[in-house]
Amino acid sequence: MALSTQIPVEEYLRTSYRPDCEYVDGEVIERNVGEKGHSEIQYRLMHILRSRRAEWGIYALHEWRMRVSETRYRIPDVVIVAGPEPDEAVLSTPPLVAVEILSPDDRMTRVHQKVREYLAFGIRYVWILDPETKEAYIHTTAGVQKVTDGFLRTETPAIEVPLSAVFD
């Protein structure tokens, strides 16, 4: 059985990790990042969001550290904030959307745990994108839906991202 070292949140916040790590109840957790499919989808999605930010009234950023509770800091692949750019180094208010792009090594139990944390934090939409299957899921407090019409969507503000532009 592997042992983990507990560190205070203050130490986590003043330490730089490459790649950046998450913090869960005193433990620093590595993230699965860096594979081509994952990076390509992240780039395409960010390009769409940034090019339409004025029209949609949003601010989007990739890998922005977010405090979802007093003892948990997560780093979604992409966050979308409704309105102007927040003035926070670490996001402490819920964004509109958190996006997780799956990597081959991701475990669904961990992904589902993040989704639950994001929704409990107050994030209205959690988009899960799978580069391997080219499938997408939208999680809300009402449940989860597989995207079958080809678009990732939100309401208020209305955002509509074609999956074809993200996956192809």
C-alpha atoms as a PDB file:
ATOM      1  CA  MET A   1       0.000   0.000   0.000  1.00  0.00           C
ATOM      2  CA  ALA A   2       1.370   3.399  -1.025  1.00  0.00           C
ATOM      3  CA  LEU A   3       1.845   6.035   1.619  1.00  0.00           C
ATOM      4  CA  SER A   4       1.076   9.678   0.976  1.00  0.00           C
ATOM      5  CA  THR A   5       2.456  12.728   2.691  1.00  0.00           C
ATOM      6  CA  GLN A   6      -0.060  15.248   3.977  1.00  0.00           C
ATOM      7  CA  ILE A   7       0.792  18.929   3.475  1.00  0.00           C
ATOM      8  CA  PRO A   8      -1.046  22.076   4.542  1.00  0.00           C
ATOM      9  CA  VAL A   9      -3.033  23.947   1.892  1.00  0.00           C
ATOM     10  CA  GLU A  10      -0.753  26.991   2.317  1.00  0.00           C
ATOM     11  CA  GLU A  11       2.263  24.923   1.256  1.00  0.00           C
ATOM     12  CA  TYR A  12       0.384  23.564  -1.769  1.00  0.00           C
ATOM     13  CA  LEU A  13      -0.595  27.076  -2.868  1.00  0.00           C
ATOM     14  CA  ARG A  14       2.954  28.452  -2.656  1.00  0.00           C
ATOM     15  CA  THR A  15       4.582  25.490  -4.424  1.00  0.00           C
ATOM     16  CA  SER A  16       4.909  25.213  -8.204  1.00  0.00           C
ATOM     17  CA  TYR A  17       4.269  21.831  -9.790  1.00  0.00           C
ATOM     18  CA  ARG A  18       5.068  20.852 -13.380  1.00  0.00           C
ATOM     19  CA  PRO A  19       2.572  19.835 -14.549  1.00  0.00           C
ATOM     20  CA  ASP A  20       0.287  21.502 -12.046  1.00  0.00           C
ATOM     21  CA  CYS A  21      -1.261  19.191  -9.449  1.00  0.00           C
ATOM     22  CA  GLU A  22      -4.561  19.164  -7.639  1.00  0.00           C
ATOM     23  CA  TYR A  23      -4.976  19.201  -3.867  1.00  0.00           C
ATOM     24  CA  VAL A  24      -7.435  16.896  -2.095  1.00  0.00           C
ATOM     25  CA  ASP A  25      -7.719  16.851   1.688  1.00  0.00           C
ATOM     26  CA  GLY A  26      -4.023  17.439   2.321  1.00  0.00           C
ATOM     27  CA  GLU A  27      -2.688  15.291  -0.524  1.00  0.00           C
ATOM     28  CA  VAL A  28      -1.142  16.544  -3.778  1.00  0.00           C
ATOM     29  CA  ILE A  29      -2.683  14.637  -6.695  1.00  0.00           C
ATOM     30  CA  GLU A  30      -1.052  14.367 -10.118  1.00  0.00           C
ATOM     31  CA  ARG A  31      -3.221  15.021 -13.168  1.00  0.00           C
ATOM     32  CA  ASN A  32      -3.201  13.092 -16.439  1.00  0.00           C
ATOM     33  CA  VAL A  33      -2.211  15.631 -19.097  1.00  0.00           C
ATOM     34  CA  GLY A  34      -0.004  16.133 -22.076  1.00  0.00           C
ATOM     35  CA  GLU A  35      -1.091  13.594 -24.687  1.00  0.00           C
ATOM     36  CA  LYS A  36      -1.654  14.832 -28.222  1.00  0.00           C
ATOM     37  CA  GLY A  37      -5.385  14.059 -28.472  1.00  0.00           C
ATOM     38  CA  HIS A  38      -6.074  15.740 -25.158  1.00  0.00           C
ATOM     39  CA  SER A  39      -4.011  18.813 -26.037  1.00  0.00           C
ATOM     40  CA  GLU A  40      -5.521  19.158 -29.504  1.00  0.00           C
ATOM     41  CA  ILE A  41      -9.086  19.120 -28.173  1.00  0.00           C
ATOM     42  CA  GLN A  42      -8.195  21.589 -25.433  1.00  0.00           C
ATOM     43  CA  TYR A  43      -6.648  23.917 -28.022  1.00  0.00           C
ATOM     44  CA  ARG A  44      -9.625  23.692 -30.411  1.00  0.00           C
ATOM     45  CA  LEU A  45     -12.170  24.276 -27.654  1.00  0.00           C
ATOM     46  CA  MET A  46     -10.240  27.264 -26.285  1.00  0.00           C
ATOM     47  CA  HIS A  47      -9.961  28.734 -29.786  1.00  0.00           C
ATOM     48  CA  ILE A  48     -13.742  28.544 -30.269  1.00  0.00           C
ATOM     49  CA  LEU A  49     -14.474  29.995 -26.834  1.00  0.00           C
ATOM     50  CA  ARG A  50     -11.954  32.835 -27.113  1.00  0.00           C
ATOM     51  CA  SER A  51     -13.102  33.787 -30.629  1.00  0.00           C
ATOM     52  CA  ARG A  52     -16.752  34.053 -29.493  1.00  0.00           C
ATOM     53  CA  ARG A  53     -16.195  35.491 -25.998  1.00  0.00           C
ATOM     54  CA  ALA A  54     -17.636  38.947 -26.794  1.00  0.00           C
ATOM     55  CA  GLU A  55     -20.683  37.473 -28.525  1.00  0.00           C
ATOM     56  CA  TRP A  56     -21.378  35.013 -25.689  1.00  0.00           C
ATOM     57  CA  GLY A  57     -20.310  37.319 -22.849  1.00  0.00           C
ATOM     58  CA  ILE A  58     -17.842  34.824 -21.373  1.00  0.00           C
ATOM     59  CA  TYR A  59     -14.265  34.492 -20.248  1.00  0.00           C
ATOM     60  CA  ALA A  60     -12.518  31.135 -20.813  1.00  0.00           C
ATOM     61  CA  LEU A  61      -9.170  29.883 -19.586  1.00  0.00           C
ATOM     62  CA  HIS A  62      -7.432  26.527 -19.590  1.00  0.00           C
ATOM     63  CA  GLU A  63      -6.041  24.829 -16.472  1.00  0.00           C
ATOM     64  CA  TRP A  64      -7.110  27.513 -14.005  1.00  0.00           C
ATOM     65  CA  ARG A  65      -6.751  26.364 -10.408  1.00  0.00           C
ATOM     66  CA  MET A  66     -10.073  26.471  -8.604  1.00  0.00           C
ATOM     67  CA  ARG A  67     -10.928  26.143  -4.912  1.00  0.00           C
ATOM     68  CA  VAL A  68     -14.017  23.910  -4.792  1.00  0.00           C
ATOM     69  CA  SER A  69     -13.942  23.605  -0.983  1.00  0.00           C
ATOM     70  CA  GLU A  70     -11.683  24.546   1.919  1.00  0.00           C
ATOM     71  CA  THR A  71      -9.601  21.385   1.455  1.00  0.00           C
ATOM     72  CA  ARG A  72      -9.929  20.745  -2.277  1.00  0.00           C
ATOM     73  CA  TYR A  73      -8.347  22.526  -5.227  1.00  0.00           C
ATOM     74  CA  ARG A  74      -9.089  21.236  -8.704  1.00  0.00           C
ATOM     75  CA  ILE A  75      -7.710  22.176 -12.118  1.00  0.00           C
ATOM     76  CA  PRO A  76     -10.218  21.587 -14.916  1.00  0.00           C
ATOM     77  CA  ASP A  77      -8.864  21.412 -18.447  1.00  0.00           C
ATOM     78  CA  VAL A  78     -11.016  24.441 -19.366  1.00  0.00           C
ATOM     79  CA  VAL A  79     -13.257  26.775 -17.368  1.00  0.00           C
ATOM     80  CA  ILE A  80     -15.873  29.129 -18.769  1.00  0.00           C
ATOM     81  CA  VAL A  81     -16.961  32.089 -16.662  1.00  0.00           C
ATOM     82  CA  ALA A  82     -20.155  33.980 -17.494  1.00  0.00           C
ATOM     83  CA  GLY A  83     -19.301  37.665 -17.674  1.00  0.00           C
ATOM     84  CA  PRO A  84     -15.974  39.468 -17.594  1.00  0.00           C
ATOM     85  CA  GLU A  85     -12.613  38.128 -16.484  1.00  0.00           C
ATOM     86  CA  PRO A  86     -12.574  37.539 -12.717  1.00  0.00           C
ATOM     87  CA  ASP A  87      -9.819  39.220 -10.752  1.00  0.00           C
ATOM     88  CA  GLU A  88      -8.658  36.076  -8.933  1.00  0.00           C
ATOM     89  CA  ALA A  89      -5.397  34.152  -9.173  1.00  0.00           C
ATOM     90  CA  VAL A  90      -7.205  31.068  -7.873  1.00  0.00           C
ATOM     91  CA  LEU A  91     -10.837  30.867  -8.912  1.00  0.00           C
ATOM     92  CA  SER A  92     -13.002  30.782  -5.788  1.00  0.00           C
ATOM     93  CA  THR A  93     -16.387  31.512  -7.340  1.00  0.00           C
ATOM     94  CA  PRO A  94     -18.094  28.853  -9.465  1.00  0.00           C
ATOM     95  CA  PRO A  95     -17.626  29.274 -13.205  1.00  0.00           C
ATOM     96  CA  LEU A  96     -20.473  28.494 -15.597  1.00  0.00           C
ATOM     97  CA  VAL A  97     -18.719  25.437 -17.078  1.00  0.00           C
ATOM     98  CA  ALA A  98     -15.864  23.135 -16.112  1.00  0.00           C
ATOM     99  CA  VAL A  99     -14.487  20.921 -18.868  1.00  0.00           C
ATOM    100  CA  GLU A 100     -12.617  17.670 -18.346  1.00  0.00           C
ATOM    101  CA  ILE A 101     -10.955  16.074 -21.365  1.00  0.00           C
ATOM    102  CA  LEU A 102     -10.306  12.420 -20.727  1.00  0.00           C
ATOM    103  CA  SER A 103      -6.837  10.926 -20.989  1.00  0.00           C
ATOM    104  CA  PRO A 104      -6.258   7.186 -21.517  1.00  0.00           C
ATOM    105  CA  ASP A 105      -5.110   6.812 -17.895  1.00  0.00           C
ATOM    106  CA  ASP A 106      -8.142   8.544 -16.351  1.00  0.00           C
ATOM    107  CA  ARG A 107     -10.211   6.408 -13.999  1.00  0.00           C
ATOM    108  CA  MET A 108     -13.947   7.010 -14.234  1.00  0.00           C
ATOM    109  CA  THR A 109     -14.351   6.874 -10.454  1.00  0.00           C
ATOM    110  CA  ARG A 110     -12.016   9.877 -10.155  1.00  0.00           C
ATOM    111  CA  VAL A 111     -13.730  11.720 -13.004  1.00  0.00           C
ATOM    112  CA  HIS A 112     -17.156  11.170 -11.414  1.00  0.00           C
ATOM    113  CA  GLN A 113     -15.806  12.403  -8.071  1.00  0.00           C
ATOM    114  CA  LYS A 114     -14.636  15.619  -9.738  1.00  0.00           C
ATOM    115  CA  VAL A 115     -18.019  16.046 -11.421  1.00  0.00           C
ATOM    116  CA  ARG A 116     -19.786  15.704  -8.049  1.00  0.00           C
ATOM    117  CA  GLU A 117     -17.410  18.249  -6.491  1.00  0.00           C
ATOM    118  CA  TYR A 118     -17.885  20.706  -9.352  1.00  0.00           C
ATOM    119  CA  LEU A 119     -21.682  20.511  -9.169  1.00  0.00           C
ATOM    120  CA  ALA A 120     -21.657  20.807  -5.351  1.00  0.00           C
ATOM    121  CA  PHE A 121     -19.416  23.876  -5.710  1.00  0.00           C
ATOM    122  CA  GLY A 122     -22.117  25.493  -7.858  1.00  0.00           C
ATOM    123  CA  ILE A 123     -20.837  24.942 -11.389  1.00  0.00           C
ATOM    124  CA  ARG A 124     -23.926  24.655 -13.594  1.00  0.00           C
ATOM    125  CA  TYR A 125     -22.428  22.556 -16.400  1.00  0.00           C
ATOM    126  CA  VAL A 126     -19.634  20.001 -16.475  1.00  0.00           C
ATOM    127  CA  TRP A 127     -18.602  18.884 -19.942  1.00  0.00           C
ATOM    128  CA  ILE A 128     -16.730  15.589 -20.263  1.00  0.00           C
ATOM    129  CA  LEU A 129     -14.992  15.054 -23.619  1.00  0.00           C
ATOM    130  CA  ASP A 130     -13.535  11.728 -24.704  1.00  0.00           C
ATOM    131  CA  PRO A 131     -10.904  12.080 -27.471  1.00  0.00           C
ATOM    132  CA  GLU A 132     -10.800   8.335 -28.069  1.00  0.00           C
ATOM    133  CA  THR A 133     -14.522   7.743 -28.677  1.00  0.00           C
ATOM    134  CA  LYS A 134     -15.312  11.323 -29.753  1.00  0.00           C
ATOM    135  CA  GLU A 135     -18.199  11.338 -27.310  1.00  0.00           C
ATOM    136  CA  ALA A 136     -19.251  14.126 -24.990  1.00  0.00           C
ATOM    137  CA  TYR A 137     -21.411  14.268 -21.875  1.00  0.00           C
ATOM    138  CA  ILE A 138     -23.046  17.205 -20.131  1.00  0.00           C
ATOM    139  CA  HIS A 139     -23.500  16.904 -16.367  1.00  0.00           C
ATOM    140  CA  THR A 140     -25.852  19.191 -14.428  1.00  0.00           C
ATOM    141  CA  THR A 141     -27.579  18.885 -11.076  1.00  0.00           C
ATOM    142  CA  ALA A 142     -30.507  17.345 -13.019  1.00  0.00           C
ATOM    143  CA  GLY A 143     -28.302  14.473 -14.224  1.00  0.00           C
ATOM    144  CA  VAL A 144     -26.067  13.523 -17.126  1.00  0.00           C
ATOM    145  CA  GLN A 145     -26.831  13.509 -20.826  1.00  0.00           C
ATOM    146  CA  LYS A 146     -24.775  12.130 -23.663  1.00  0.00           C
ATOM    147  CA  VAL A 147     -24.496  14.708 -26.440  1.00  0.00           C
ATOM    148  CA  THR A 148     -26.409  13.198 -29.342  1.00  0.00           C
ATOM    149  CA  ASP A 149     -27.274  16.287 -31.407  1.00  0.00           C
ATOM    150  CA  GLY A 150     -23.659  17.322 -32.020  1.00  0.00           C
ATOM    151  CA  PHE A 151     -23.507  20.403 -29.762  1.00  0.00           C
ATOM    152  CA  LEU A 152     -22.217  21.265 -26.293  1.00  0.00           C
ATOM    153  CA  ARG A 153     -24.692  23.802 -24.923  1.00  0.00           C
ATOM    154  CA  THR A 154     -25.454  26.076 -21.997  1.00  0.00           C
ATOM    155  CA  GLU A 155     -28.248  28.489 -21.206  1.00  0.00           C
ATOM    156  CA  THR A 156     -27.882  32.008 -19.815  1.00  0.00           C
ATOM    157  CA  PRO A 157     -25.636  32.758 -21.514  1.00  0.00           C
ATOM    158  CA  ALA A 158     -26.459  30.626 -24.512  1.00  0.00           C
ATOM    159  CA  ILE A 159     -23.331  28.868 -25.708  1.00  0.00           C
ATOM    160  CA  GLU A 160     -23.338  26.338 -28.550  1.00  0.00           C
ATOM    161  CA  VAL A 161     -20.117  24.549 -29.486  1.00  0.00           C
ATOM    162  CA  PRO A 162     -20.232  22.041 -32.365  1.00  0.00           C
ATOM    163  CA  LEU A 163     -18.532  18.772 -31.473  1.00  0.00           C
ATOM    164  CA  SER A 164     -17.306  18.503 -35.049  1.00  0.00           C
ATOM    165  CA  ALA A 165     -15.156  21.602 -34.501  1.00  0.00           C
ATOM    166  CA  VAL A 166     -13.711  20.126 -31.308  1.00  0.00           C
ATOM    167  CA  PHE A 167     -13.113  16.529 -32.383  1.00  0.00           C
ATOM    168  CA  ASP A 168     -12.354  16.784 -36.135  1.00  0.00           C
END
